[in-house]
Amino acid sequence: MESRFSVLNDTEDLSRFSNPENSIYAERSKTLFEEIRASINNNDEEDRAFWRPVLPWGGVFTIKAGRKAISCIPLYVEIQLKNTCTIDGFLMILYVILRDNQGFHRELAVFLGKQFVDHFLYLMDSCDYTTVKILWIWNRMSKRQYRSEIHQTALEIDLFGNEHENFTENLDNLMSTMQESLCTNWSCPVRIQDFIKATISISPAHELPRRDPIQSAVDEFFCPKLLLCSEPGCDGLREFSQRVFCHGPPPFVILNMQQWRSEDLSYVPYHLALCQHRYLLEGATLFNKEEHHYSAAFNLDGCWMHYDGLRSDNLILLHKPPELLLLSSLVYIRSSDK
């Protein structure tokens, strides 16, 4: 089964199969980001939707069969994508972050690769949205993270599931943190341990603090601890050091908020103190449990926009900041001010 996926296995293949020369967007004078920003500045109160769909749900990727494709069995004529909302919202926010913060391009390239970042931005600006998703699936995800079925000459890829598994966990070591620990019992079988986490998942306190509960939960995630040692047969105490980022403060962080209920979210901070740096709220992803569907919101030039790939008008300028009650994640970008 592995060999059947060799039609498209890297960004070079994708750039060859996507043909920007034939795209009506190839000669655009503005990037997609500049068009979105202009739509905010020239917004009509009666029509607050962006003038065309951006990153619509799903997608069909048509393969132009060359020698490499013909040599594969079966021969795929197209790839059909389903339930892409588990990556769509984050891809939208990632694009806005990269275009709005020029210095982050170089930092993110260290983890995701310069070729990937450059190609991602190029495809978004070319409005080649299905290829953007294929790029993420083939370049960042492992095959066990999605379901695929063959229907005659079409390959169907279904991304139904959890957005943190499909996106956040595939950012390599961007947000990796480490916490050293030492057991007080000299007879402990594993006295010294390092605990590394690739993502930041925070939980609400049993008794919510009077001050900002999210900042408190982040502080709890990073702070030193003294806990009972969990090694079998050990009755010592394990001292945990201050948690630190393995590769320095990242350009942005994603807080996994899946364990929070709406009643826990009395206040969502626009600023976050994290490892002696100041982070600013850039966006959020929202989860509708009834529809099992993700959408997103992001902040641009002080205005909030809501993105939902399932809607015909899928990018809307909001009258006011969104009510972040159905949170799946919060996205903060690093400020230049410490």
Foldseek 3Di string as FASTA:
>chain_A
DVQQPVCDQAVVSLVVFDDLVPFPLNPPPDFPLVLVVVCVVVPDPVAQFRPAAALFAKDKRAGDDDPVQVVHPPRARIETEHQCLLARAVLVLVLNLCVVDVVQLVVLCVQQNNSLSVVLRVCRRSSVNVSNSVNLCNRFHDPVQWDWDDDPRYIYIYNQDHSCNSPVLRSGQQQKKKKWKAWPDPPQPCGIDIDIDRAAEFAFDPDQDPPDRVLVRLCVSFQWDWAADPGPPDRTIMTIHGMARPVHNGQKHKYFCVNDALVSPPDDDQWHCDPNFIWGWFKFWFADPVVRGIWMWGADPNWIWTAGSPDRSGIGTDPDDDSCRRTRITMIGTDPGD
